[in-house]
Amino acid sequence: MNGKEGRFIGLIPLVCQYLDSMEMRAEERDTIDGYLRLISGRASGQVSTGARYDLLIRKLFLLADVACD
């Protein structure tokens, strides 16, 4: 999604280049950029997904169960 420096551009930077060439209102671009930052963050692991929180909760329950034994 984000690409690798010197190897390939990645989908997110490619979309950003395309959006740079389009004429749109600043508020529209800001909205799209917010979504692209979210997708980029999730792809890189910087932003956790719902699945990550589910795994964390499962681990907490398992630890609590072991502590009660």
C-alpha atoms as a PDB file:
ATOM      1  CA  MET A   1       0.000   0.000   0.000  1.00  0.00           C
ATOM      2  CA  ASN A   2       2.619   2.506   1.065  1.00  0.00           C
ATOM      3  CA  GLY A   3       5.385   1.321  -1.259  1.00  0.00           C
ATOM      4  CA  LYS A   4       9.065   0.823  -0.587  1.00  0.00           C
ATOM      5  CA  GLU A   5      11.575   3.592  -1.119  1.00  0.00           C
ATOM      6  CA  GLY A   6      13.644   2.916  -4.215  1.00  0.00           C
ATOM      7  CA  ARG A   7      11.661  -0.206  -5.142  1.00  0.00           C
ATOM      8  CA  PHE A   8       8.055   0.713  -5.966  1.00  0.00           C
ATOM      9  CA  ILE A   9       5.779   3.685  -5.404  1.00  0.00           C
ATOM     10  CA  GLY A  10       2.826   2.014  -3.696  1.00  0.00           C
ATOM     11  CA  LEU A  11      -0.887   2.575  -4.098  1.00  0.00           C
ATOM     12  CA  ILE A  12      -1.319   5.412  -1.583  1.00  0.00           C
ATOM     13  CA  PRO A  13       1.414   7.650  -3.070  1.00  0.00           C
ATOM     14  CA  LEU A  14       0.087   6.885  -6.555  1.00  0.00           C
ATOM     15  CA  VAL A  15      -3.414   7.973  -5.538  1.00  0.00           C
ATOM     16  CA  CYS A  16      -1.961  11.128  -3.961  1.00  0.00           C
ATOM     17  CA  GLN A  17      -0.140  11.981  -7.210  1.00  0.00           C
ATOM     18  CA  TYR A  18      -3.376  11.508  -9.129  1.00  0.00           C
ATOM     19  CA  LEU A  19      -5.294  13.699  -6.690  1.00  0.00           C
ATOM     20  CA  ASP A  20      -2.611  16.400  -7.002  1.00  0.00           C
ATOM     21  CA  SER A  21      -3.362  16.592 -10.723  1.00  0.00           C
ATOM     22  CA  MET A  22      -7.116  17.033 -10.166  1.00  0.00           C
ATOM     23  CA  GLU A  23      -8.950  20.222  -9.386  1.00  0.00           C
ATOM     24  CA  MET A  24     -11.006  19.900  -6.212  1.00  0.00           C
ATOM     25  CA  ARG A  25     -12.010  21.969  -3.233  1.00  0.00           C
ATOM     26  CA  ALA A  26      -9.640  21.998  -0.266  1.00  0.00           C
ATOM     27  CA  GLU A  27     -12.242  20.506   2.082  1.00  0.00           C
ATOM     28  CA  GLU A  28     -12.798  17.574  -0.296  1.00  0.00           C
ATOM     29  CA  ARG A  29      -9.069  16.930  -0.490  1.00  0.00           C
ATOM     30  CA  ASP A  30      -8.722  17.165   3.283  1.00  0.00           C
ATOM     31  CA  THR A  31     -11.429  14.529   3.722  1.00  0.00           C
ATOM     32  CA  ILE A  32      -9.810  12.186   1.210  1.00  0.00           C
ATOM     33  CA  ASP A  33      -6.366  12.765   2.746  1.00  0.00           C
ATOM     34  CA  GLY A  34      -7.749  11.785   6.152  1.00  0.00           C
ATOM     35  CA  TYR A  35      -8.992   8.474   4.796  1.00  0.00           C
ATOM     36  CA  LEU A  36      -5.699   7.876   2.972  1.00  0.00           C
ATOM     37  CA  ARG A  37      -3.748   8.528   6.205  1.00  0.00           C
ATOM     38  CA  LEU A  38      -5.964   6.014   8.019  1.00  0.00           C
ATOM     39  CA  ILE A  39      -5.470   3.356   5.335  1.00  0.00           C
ATOM     40  CA  SER A  40      -1.737   4.056   5.198  1.00  0.00           C
ATOM     41  CA  GLY A  41      -1.416   3.839   8.977  1.00  0.00           C
ATOM     42  CA  ARG A  42      -3.293   0.557   9.125  1.00  0.00           C
ATOM     43  CA  ALA A  43      -1.224  -0.891   6.282  1.00  0.00           C
ATOM     44  CA  SER A  44       2.024   0.036   8.041  1.00  0.00           C
ATOM     45  CA  GLY A  45       0.851  -1.149  11.452  1.00  0.00           C
ATOM     46  CA  GLN A  46       0.989   2.312  13.030  1.00  0.00           C
ATOM     47  CA  VAL A  47      -2.808   2.362  13.492  1.00  0.00           C
ATOM     48  CA  SER A  48      -4.387  -0.640  15.161  1.00  0.00           C
ATOM     49  CA  THR A  49      -7.373  -2.369  13.628  1.00  0.00           C
ATOM     50  CA  GLY A  50     -10.394  -3.884  15.357  1.00  0.00           C
ATOM     51  CA  ALA A  51      -8.780  -7.294  15.006  1.00  0.00           C
ATOM     52  CA  ARG A  52      -5.807  -6.104  17.023  1.00  0.00           C
ATOM     53  CA  TYR A  53      -8.028  -4.977  19.895  1.00  0.00           C
ATOM     54  CA  ASP A  54      -9.907  -8.289  19.766  1.00  0.00           C
ATOM     55  CA  LEU A  55      -6.613 -10.146  20.150  1.00  0.00           C
ATOM     56  CA  LEU A  56      -5.635  -7.927  23.084  1.00  0.00           C
ATOM     57  CA  ILE A  57      -8.952  -8.568  24.858  1.00  0.00           C
ATOM     58  CA  ARG A  58      -8.592 -12.324  24.331  1.00  0.00           C
ATOM     59  CA  LYS A  59      -5.105 -12.244  25.840  1.00  0.00           C
ATOM     60  CA  LEU A  60      -6.405 -10.296  28.853  1.00  0.00           C
ATOM     61  CA  PHE A  61      -9.136 -12.887  29.438  1.00  0.00           C
ATOM     62  CA  LEU A  62      -6.636 -15.729  29.161  1.00  0.00           C
ATOM     63  CA  LEU A  63      -4.293 -14.029  31.647  1.00  0.00           C
ATOM     64  CA  ALA A  64      -7.160 -13.369  34.053  1.00  0.00           C
ATOM     65  CA  ASP A  65      -8.226 -17.017  33.810  1.00  0.00           C
ATOM     66  CA  VAL A  66      -4.689 -18.224  34.579  1.00  0.00           C
ATOM     67  CA  ALA A  67      -4.417 -15.814  37.509  1.00  0.00           C
ATOM     68  CA  CYS A  68      -7.646 -17.183  39.023  1.00  0.00           C
ATOM     69  CA  ASP A  69      -6.394 -20.782  39.043  1.00  0.00           C
END
